[in-house]
Amino acid sequence: MISNDITNSLSRKFIELQKQFDDLTPVLEVVSALIERAISENFDARGRWDGNENDITIFSGGSQKWKALASSTKEKYQRLGWELEPTLNRSKGLMSTIEVRPQGKSSVVISANSPYAAIHQFGGTLKPTIPISLKMRKFFWAKYFETGKDNWKALALTKKKELKPMIQVPARPYITMTEEDLEEIISLLNSLL
């Protein structure tokens, strides 16, 4: 977690600027660009956070990397011919939905409009409902004959019409700022005062 000294200093600098200028939009444009760069660095570094899954905020920056992909995810990616890395940024889909922009004369809004943005930022449990089709049953039989594992046979013979797996997704906070990121913003603000 970022020290209170740095967040308090950042807050004081913005208050000082608001006293001097009615409209901070030009400053916020530059601050937005610095925040975007920090988020991009989070993806490049595969995580820069403090590791505390119970309190994830923009000020959760640190040196902790994200958890590695699950072995089942790696197997799926390999089966489909997809690259394993970079985590969360293989297709650039999530990153392309992140927006950092000034709002009004004195604030910055950060948003990620991907349907899976929040689950990756904060982690959690997914409970999808997957209908069992005839094609799936054939796949289960094929896997049973290939591997001899009884769990595939059980899936092929199940009377259920759908599966409801529970998938645990670890937190991989990508909207975070490190102390160094915030110090750069404070330095920018100091140059304006």
Protein backbone atom coordinates (compact mmCIF):
# COMPACT_ATOMS: atom_id res chain seq x y z
CA MET A 1 0.00 0.00 0.00
CA ILE A 2 1.19 3.49 -0.82
CA SER A 3 2.29 5.55 2.19
CA ASN A 4 -0.12 8.15 3.52
CA ASP A 5 2.61 10.80 3.15
CA ILE A 6 2.57 10.43 -0.63
CA THR A 7 -1.23 10.37 -1.02
CA ASN A 8 -1.56 13.35 1.35
CA SER A 9 1.11 15.24 -0.57
CA LEU A 10 -0.70 14.53 -3.84
CA SER A 11 -3.97 15.75 -2.37
CA ARG A 12 -2.35 18.95 -1.04
CA LYS A 13 -0.81 19.71 -4.44
CA PHE A 14 -4.18 19.43 -6.16
CA ILE A 15 -5.79 21.68 -3.53
CA GLU A 16 -3.04 24.29 -4.06
CA LEU A 17 -3.55 24.15 -7.83
CA GLN A 18 -7.32 24.50 -7.47
CA LYS A 19 -6.76 27.68 -5.45
CA GLN A 20 -4.61 29.12 -8.25
CA PHE A 21 -6.57 27.92 -11.29
CA ASP A 22 -10.29 27.65 -11.89
CA ASP A 23 -9.95 24.94 -14.54
CA LEU A 24 -7.39 22.16 -14.08
CA THR A 25 -8.29 20.38 -17.34
CA PRO A 26 -4.89 20.95 -19.02
CA VAL A 27 -3.07 19.60 -15.95
CA LEU A 28 -5.49 16.67 -15.70
CA GLU A 29 -4.83 15.76 -19.35
CA VAL A 30 -1.14 15.28 -18.51
CA VAL A 31 -1.95 13.46 -15.24
CA SER A 32 -4.31 11.17 -17.21
CA ALA A 33 -1.49 10.34 -19.62
CA LEU A 34 0.82 9.48 -16.70
CA ILE A 35 -1.85 7.23 -15.18
CA GLU A 36 -2.38 5.49 -18.53
CA ARG A 37 1.36 4.89 -18.80
CA ALA A 38 1.43 3.43 -15.26
CA ILE A 39 -1.42 1.06 -16.12
CA SER A 40 0.40 0.00 -19.27
CA GLU A 41 3.52 -0.67 -17.18
CA ASN A 42 1.39 -2.87 -14.89
CA PHE A 43 0.51 -5.05 -17.88
CA ASP A 44 4.12 -5.09 -19.15
CA ALA A 45 5.48 -6.05 -15.72
CA ARG A 46 2.68 -8.62 -15.18
CA GLY A 47 1.66 -6.87 -12.01
CA ARG A 48 2.91 -4.08 -9.78
CA TRP A 49 0.78 -4.29 -6.68
CA ASP A 50 1.07 -4.82 -2.94
CA GLY A 51 -0.48 -8.32 -2.92
CA ASN A 52 -3.32 -7.45 -0.50
CA GLU A 53 -6.43 -9.02 -2.07
CA ASN A 54 -8.66 -7.57 0.68
CA ASP A 55 -8.04 -3.90 -0.13
CA ILE A 56 -7.45 -3.25 -3.83
CA THR A 57 -7.48 0.43 -4.82
CA ILE A 58 -5.64 2.63 -7.27
CA PHE A 59 -3.13 3.14 -4.44
CA SER A 60 -2.37 -0.60 -4.11
CA GLY A 61 0.85 -0.35 -6.10
CA GLY A 62 3.91 -2.33 -5.10
CA SER A 63 6.38 -4.91 -6.37
CA GLN A 64 4.15 -8.03 -6.27
CA LYS A 65 3.55 -9.85 -9.56
CA TRP A 66 0.18 -11.35 -10.53
CA LYS A 67 -0.44 -15.04 -9.91
CA ALA A 68 0.57 -17.25 -12.81
CA LEU A 69 -2.07 -18.69 -15.11
CA ALA A 70 -3.73 -21.88 -13.87
CA SER A 71 -2.40 -25.07 -15.45
CA SER A 72 -5.86 -25.71 -16.98
CA THR A 73 -5.74 -22.28 -18.62
CA LYS A 74 -2.23 -22.94 -19.93
CA GLU A 75 -3.37 -26.29 -21.36
CA LYS A 76 -6.33 -24.63 -23.07
CA TYR A 77 -4.16 -21.89 -24.56
CA GLN A 78 -1.66 -24.45 -25.86
CA ARG A 79 -4.45 -26.59 -27.31
CA LEU A 80 -5.82 -23.56 -29.14
CA GLY A 81 -2.36 -22.43 -30.28
CA TRP A 82 -2.51 -19.23 -28.23
CA GLU A 83 0.47 -17.60 -26.59
CA LEU A 84 0.69 -18.07 -22.82
CA GLU A 85 1.96 -14.57 -22.11
CA PRO A 86 1.43 -11.83 -21.40
CA THR A 87 -1.10 -12.49 -18.66
CA LEU A 88 -4.29 -10.41 -19.12
CA ASN A 89 -2.93 -8.90 -22.31
CA ARG A 90 -2.69 -11.73 -24.81
CA SER A 91 -5.36 -10.28 -27.10
CA LYS A 92 -5.10 -6.65 -25.91
CA GLY A 93 -8.89 -6.81 -25.38
CA LEU A 94 -8.96 -5.71 -21.74
CA MET A 95 -6.30 -3.05 -22.12
CA SER A 96 -8.07 -1.53 -25.12
CA THR A 97 -11.17 -0.83 -22.99
CA ILE A 98 -9.33 1.12 -20.30
CA GLU A 99 -10.00 4.84 -20.41
CA VAL A 100 -8.34 7.53 -18.33
CA ARG A 101 -9.69 11.03 -18.90
CA PRO A 102 -10.40 14.29 -17.13
CA GLN A 103 -13.97 14.81 -16.02
CA GLY A 104 -15.10 18.31 -15.29
CA LYS A 105 -12.52 20.83 -14.16
CA SER A 106 -10.99 18.96 -11.25
CA SER A 107 -11.15 15.16 -11.50
CA VAL A 108 -9.93 12.17 -13.49
CA VAL A 109 -12.08 9.15 -14.30
CA ILE A 110 -10.57 5.70 -14.86
CA SER A 111 -12.78 3.03 -16.39
CA ALA A 112 -12.44 -0.41 -17.94
CA ASN A 113 -15.48 -1.36 -19.98
CA SER A 114 -14.69 -4.99 -20.66
CA PRO A 115 -17.24 -7.48 -19.27
CA TYR A 116 -14.40 -9.26 -17.46
CA ALA A 117 -12.57 -6.14 -16.20
CA ALA A 118 -13.79 -6.31 -12.59
CA ILE A 119 -13.13 -10.04 -12.12
CA HIS A 120 -9.51 -9.56 -13.19
CA GLN A 121 -9.01 -6.41 -11.09
CA PHE A 122 -10.53 -7.77 -7.87
CA GLY A 123 -10.67 -11.55 -8.36
CA GLY A 124 -13.68 -13.66 -7.45
CA THR A 125 -15.70 -16.72 -8.31
CA LEU A 126 -17.42 -17.36 -11.63
CA LYS A 127 -20.36 -19.77 -11.76
CA PRO A 128 -21.19 -20.27 -15.45
CA THR A 129 -24.00 -22.52 -16.64
CA ILE A 130 -22.82 -24.74 -19.49
CA PRO A 131 -25.48 -26.77 -21.35
CA ILE A 132 -24.42 -30.35 -22.10
CA SER A 133 -24.96 -30.97 -25.81
CA LEU A 134 -24.68 -34.20 -27.79
CA LYS A 135 -21.41 -32.89 -29.23
CA MET A 136 -20.05 -32.42 -25.70
CA ARG A 137 -21.02 -35.94 -24.71
CA LYS A 138 -19.13 -37.25 -27.76
CA PHE A 139 -16.13 -35.16 -26.68
CA PHE A 140 -16.35 -36.60 -23.13
CA TRP A 141 -16.40 -40.15 -24.56
CA ALA A 142 -13.42 -39.37 -26.79
CA LYS A 143 -11.48 -38.03 -23.80
CA TYR A 144 -12.41 -41.11 -21.76
CA PHE A 145 -11.14 -43.47 -24.49
CA GLU A 146 -8.00 -41.35 -24.91
CA THR A 147 -7.12 -41.08 -21.21
CA GLY A 148 -9.05 -43.89 -19.50
CA LYS A 149 -10.01 -41.47 -16.73
CA ASP A 150 -13.36 -42.19 -15.10
CA ASN A 151 -14.24 -38.51 -14.67
CA TRP A 152 -14.66 -38.22 -18.47
CA LYS A 153 -16.89 -41.30 -18.49
CA ALA A 154 -18.97 -39.82 -15.66
CA LEU A 155 -19.44 -36.60 -17.66
CA ALA A 156 -20.47 -38.59 -20.75
CA LEU A 157 -23.05 -40.61 -18.78
CA THR A 158 -24.41 -37.85 -16.54
CA LYS A 159 -28.16 -37.26 -16.56
CA LYS A 160 -27.55 -33.56 -15.98
CA LYS A 161 -28.54 -31.22 -18.77
CA GLU A 162 -25.98 -28.58 -17.73
CA LEU A 163 -22.76 -28.15 -15.79
CA LYS A 164 -22.30 -25.45 -13.17
CA PRO A 165 -18.59 -25.30 -12.41
CA MET A 166 -17.12 -22.86 -9.90
CA ILE A 167 -14.08 -21.08 -11.28
CA GLN A 168 -11.90 -19.14 -8.86
CA VAL A 169 -10.16 -16.19 -10.56
CA PRO A 170 -7.29 -14.63 -8.59
CA ALA A 171 -7.03 -10.85 -8.28
CA ARG A 172 -4.67 -9.36 -10.86
CA PRO A 173 -4.99 -5.62 -10.21
CA TYR A 174 -4.01 -3.66 -13.29
CA ILE A 175 -5.41 -0.26 -12.27
CA THR A 176 -2.85 0.58 -9.59
CA MET A 177 -0.23 3.25 -9.10
CA THR A 178 3.15 2.73 -7.45
CA GLU A 179 4.85 5.28 -5.20
CA GLU A 180 7.17 6.11 -8.09
CA ASP A 181 4.18 6.82 -10.37
CA LEU A 182 2.67 9.15 -7.78
CA GLU A 183 5.99 10.88 -7.12
CA GLU A 184 6.20 11.64 -10.85
CA ILE A 185 2.73 13.23 -10.74
CA ILE A 186 3.67 15.23 -7.63
CA SER A 187 6.83 16.43 -9.38
CA LEU A 188 4.73 17.56 -12.35
CA LEU A 189 2.35 19.42 -10.04
CA ASN A 190 5.26 21.05 -8.18
CA SER A 191 6.56 22.40 -11.48
CA LEU A 192 3.24 24.21 -11.99
CA LEU A 193 3.18 25.86 -8.58
